Amino acid sequence: YACRSLLGFGFRIVVEGRPGSSGAPVGLATLNSDPRDPSARPDLQIQANRDLGNGSPLICDTGGPAPTPSPGGVPKIDPPSFALTQEISDRLNDFGCRFEAFRESDLSCTLAPNGVASFVSPQSTVQFCALVSKDILTFPPGDTLLTVRLRDAAGNVGNEARIVVRVGSAECP
């Protein structure tokens, strides 16, 4: 008798990028928040079309003594949009702050087949990684669409990329 449970946590989200047509390096900011300025956005701009964790609207409420004692989540943006509104900017900052940026491939969060830390793509010059944890970024059962784009150091945004994260429901009695 086999039983398995497909959980919405315990994996990493990895986003890689390289300079676009401007040639400017990809920016590294994962948090750039100003509650009075909707143009204050991180260089990593990622969103989900479903709430992650408890969907808390607080920005970067990752738990611990600061900024809040209990972990929160990330509210959805549905349908996906990068419109210049305070609500969308706050949500981009909330999701982005959970990532760590790497410029050095040998310090990245992914491993090559030989077990050495390395970017997934040899053309990448930056990698952003987030651990999807039980307390903060749990994905709900079903399909969640992630939409991401990166901004370079000159302020240019790249093309959007999308991926669906599918989480099954528990299959155990």
Protein backbone atom coordinates (compact mmCIF):
# COMPACT_ATOMS: atom_id res chain seq x y z
CA TYR A 1 0.00 0.00 0.00
CA ALA A 2 1.48 3.33 -1.05
CA CYS A 3 0.39 6.73 0.10
CA ARG A 4 1.74 10.07 -1.02
CA SER A 5 0.90 13.64 -0.27
CA LEU A 6 1.76 16.38 -2.74
CA LEU A 7 2.50 19.44 -0.65
CA GLY A 8 2.58 23.08 -1.67
CA PHE A 9 5.91 23.73 0.07
CA GLY A 10 9.43 22.32 0.40
CA PHE A 11 10.83 23.46 -2.95
CA ARG A 12 12.58 26.51 -4.40
CA ILE A 13 11.46 29.07 -6.93
CA VAL A 14 14.41 30.01 -9.13
CA VAL A 15 14.44 32.96 -11.55
CA GLU A 16 17.48 33.64 -13.73
CA GLY A 17 18.24 36.50 -16.08
CA ARG A 18 20.83 38.21 -18.20
CA PRO A 19 21.21 41.71 -19.68
CA GLY A 20 18.68 42.63 -22.35
CA SER A 21 19.06 44.83 -25.39
CA SER A 22 20.27 47.83 -23.33
CA GLY A 23 23.27 45.82 -22.11
CA ALA A 24 22.73 47.08 -18.56
CA PRO A 25 23.15 44.46 -15.84
CA VAL A 26 20.07 42.96 -14.22
CA GLY A 27 19.25 44.79 -11.00
CA LEU A 28 19.46 42.89 -7.72
CA ALA A 29 16.81 44.65 -5.59
CA THR A 30 14.20 42.27 -4.19
CA LEU A 31 12.59 44.95 -2.02
CA ASN A 32 12.09 48.61 -2.92
CA SER A 33 8.93 49.66 -1.14
CA ASP A 34 7.41 53.07 -0.49
CA PRO A 35 3.77 53.15 0.67
CA ARG A 36 3.29 56.52 -1.06
CA ASP A 37 5.02 55.76 -4.38
CA PRO A 38 3.66 53.06 -6.71
CA SER A 39 6.76 53.40 -8.90
CA ALA A 40 8.89 51.98 -6.04
CA ARG A 41 9.30 48.40 -7.20
CA PRO A 42 11.94 45.69 -6.89
CA ASP A 43 14.11 44.60 -9.82
CA LEU A 44 12.66 41.10 -9.44
CA GLN A 45 8.94 41.53 -10.14
CA ILE A 46 7.09 38.29 -9.47
CA GLN A 47 3.43 37.63 -8.75
CA ALA A 48 0.99 34.77 -8.25
CA ASN A 49 -2.64 34.59 -9.36
CA ARG A 50 -3.60 32.89 -6.08
CA ASP A 51 -2.83 33.78 -2.47
CA LEU A 52 0.31 32.16 -1.08
CA GLY A 53 0.43 31.29 2.60
CA ASN A 54 -2.25 33.28 4.39
CA GLY A 55 -2.29 35.99 1.70
CA SER A 56 -1.45 38.71 4.22
CA PRO A 57 -1.25 42.19 2.68
CA LEU A 58 1.63 43.17 5.00
CA ILE A 59 4.85 43.62 3.06
CA CYS A 60 7.62 41.18 3.88
CA ASP A 61 5.95 39.68 6.96
CA THR A 62 8.28 36.69 7.09
CA GLY A 63 8.02 36.07 10.82
CA GLY A 64 10.41 36.40 13.70
CA PRO A 65 11.13 39.37 15.92
CA ALA A 66 11.08 41.84 12.99
CA PRO A 67 9.20 42.87 10.97
CA THR A 68 6.37 40.76 12.50
CA PRO A 69 6.25 38.00 15.12
CA SER A 70 4.28 35.59 12.91
CA PRO A 71 4.79 34.71 9.26
CA GLY A 72 2.40 35.94 6.64
CA GLY A 73 1.96 35.26 2.97
CA VAL A 74 1.63 36.97 -0.37
CA PRO A 75 -1.69 38.21 -1.75
CA LYS A 76 -2.64 37.33 -5.30
CA ILE A 77 -2.72 39.53 -8.37
CA ASP A 78 -5.51 38.12 -10.51
CA PRO A 79 -5.54 38.55 -13.40
CA PRO A 80 -1.75 39.00 -13.65
CA SER A 81 -0.85 42.67 -14.11
CA PHE A 82 2.11 45.00 -13.80
CA ALA A 83 -0.11 48.12 -13.85
CA LEU A 84 1.37 51.02 -11.93
CA THR A 85 -0.80 50.95 -8.81
CA GLN A 86 0.18 51.00 -5.14
CA GLU A 87 -1.58 47.69 -4.51
CA ILE A 88 0.34 45.87 -7.26
CA SER A 89 3.65 47.48 -6.26
CA ASP A 90 3.10 46.42 -2.64
CA ARG A 91 2.40 42.84 -3.72
CA LEU A 92 5.46 42.73 -6.00
CA ASN A 93 7.59 43.93 -3.08
CA ASP A 94 5.96 41.42 -0.72
CA PHE A 95 6.75 38.46 -2.98
CA GLY A 96 10.15 39.79 -4.06
CA CYS A 97 11.48 40.28 -0.52
CA ARG A 98 11.37 36.51 0.02
CA PHE A 99 14.09 35.99 -2.62
CA GLU A 100 17.86 36.13 -2.37
CA ALA A 101 19.90 37.41 -5.33
CA PHE A 102 23.15 35.88 -6.59
CA ARG A 103 25.58 37.36 -9.13
CA GLU A 104 28.13 34.60 -8.69
CA SER A 105 27.19 31.24 -10.21
CA ASP A 106 29.29 29.32 -7.70
CA LEU A 107 27.28 30.86 -4.85
CA SER A 108 23.86 30.16 -6.38
CA CYS A 109 21.11 27.99 -4.92
CA THR A 110 21.04 25.41 -7.74
CA LEU A 111 23.45 22.55 -8.32
CA ALA A 112 24.92 21.27 -11.56
CA PRO A 113 24.87 17.48 -12.17
CA ASN A 114 28.38 17.29 -10.66
CA GLY A 115 27.01 18.68 -7.37
CA VAL A 116 28.66 22.10 -7.69
CA ALA A 117 26.61 25.27 -7.25
CA SER A 118 25.88 26.74 -10.65
CA PHE A 119 23.29 28.81 -12.53
CA VAL A 120 20.85 26.68 -14.52
CA SER A 121 21.59 28.52 -17.78
CA PRO A 122 25.18 29.32 -18.75
CA GLN A 123 23.91 32.62 -20.27
CA SER A 124 22.50 33.84 -16.93
CA THR A 125 24.29 36.57 -15.01
CA VAL A 126 21.97 36.67 -12.00
CA GLN A 127 19.84 34.18 -10.07
CA PHE A 128 17.04 34.83 -7.59
CA CYS A 129 15.99 32.03 -5.22
CA ALA A 130 13.18 31.62 -2.70
CA LEU A 131 12.43 28.68 -0.49
CA VAL A 132 8.73 27.81 -0.55
CA SER A 133 8.15 27.08 3.11
CA LYS A 134 5.26 25.68 5.10
CA ASP A 135 4.79 28.84 7.14
CA ILE A 136 5.17 31.62 4.58
CA LEU A 137 4.84 30.73 0.90
CA THR A 138 2.68 27.64 0.86
CA PHE A 139 0.99 27.12 -2.51
CA PRO A 140 -2.67 26.07 -2.36
CA PRO A 141 -3.84 22.83 -4.04
CA GLY A 142 -4.48 23.26 -7.74
CA ASP A 143 -2.79 25.41 -10.37
CA THR A 144 -1.08 28.70 -9.50
CA LEU A 145 0.26 30.90 -12.28
CA LEU A 146 3.50 32.76 -11.55
CA THR A 147 4.32 35.73 -13.77
CA VAL A 148 7.77 37.34 -13.55
CA ARG A 149 9.85 39.99 -15.19
CA LEU A 150 13.21 41.53 -14.34
CA ARG A 151 14.38 45.14 -14.42
CA ASP A 152 17.91 46.18 -15.29
CA ALA A 153 20.10 48.73 -13.53
CA ALA A 154 18.97 51.39 -16.05
CA GLY A 155 15.29 50.84 -15.17
CA ASN A 156 14.31 48.86 -18.27
CA VAL A 157 11.96 45.91 -17.70
CA GLY A 158 12.29 42.69 -19.65
CA ASN A 159 9.71 40.39 -21.13
CA GLU A 160 7.31 38.51 -18.88
CA ALA A 161 7.78 34.80 -18.27
CA ARG A 162 5.14 32.50 -16.83
CA ILE A 163 5.01 29.10 -15.22
CA VAL A 164 2.24 27.09 -13.60
CA VAL A 165 2.91 25.46 -10.23
CA ARG A 166 0.55 22.51 -9.80
CA VAL A 167 -0.03 21.16 -6.31
CA GLY A 168 -2.09 18.02 -5.85
CA SER A 169 -4.31 17.36 -2.90
CA ALA A 170 -3.44 14.73 -0.34
CA GLU A 171 -3.98 11.21 -1.65
CA CYS A 172 -3.78 9.52 1.72
CA PRO A 173 -6.77 8.31 3.71
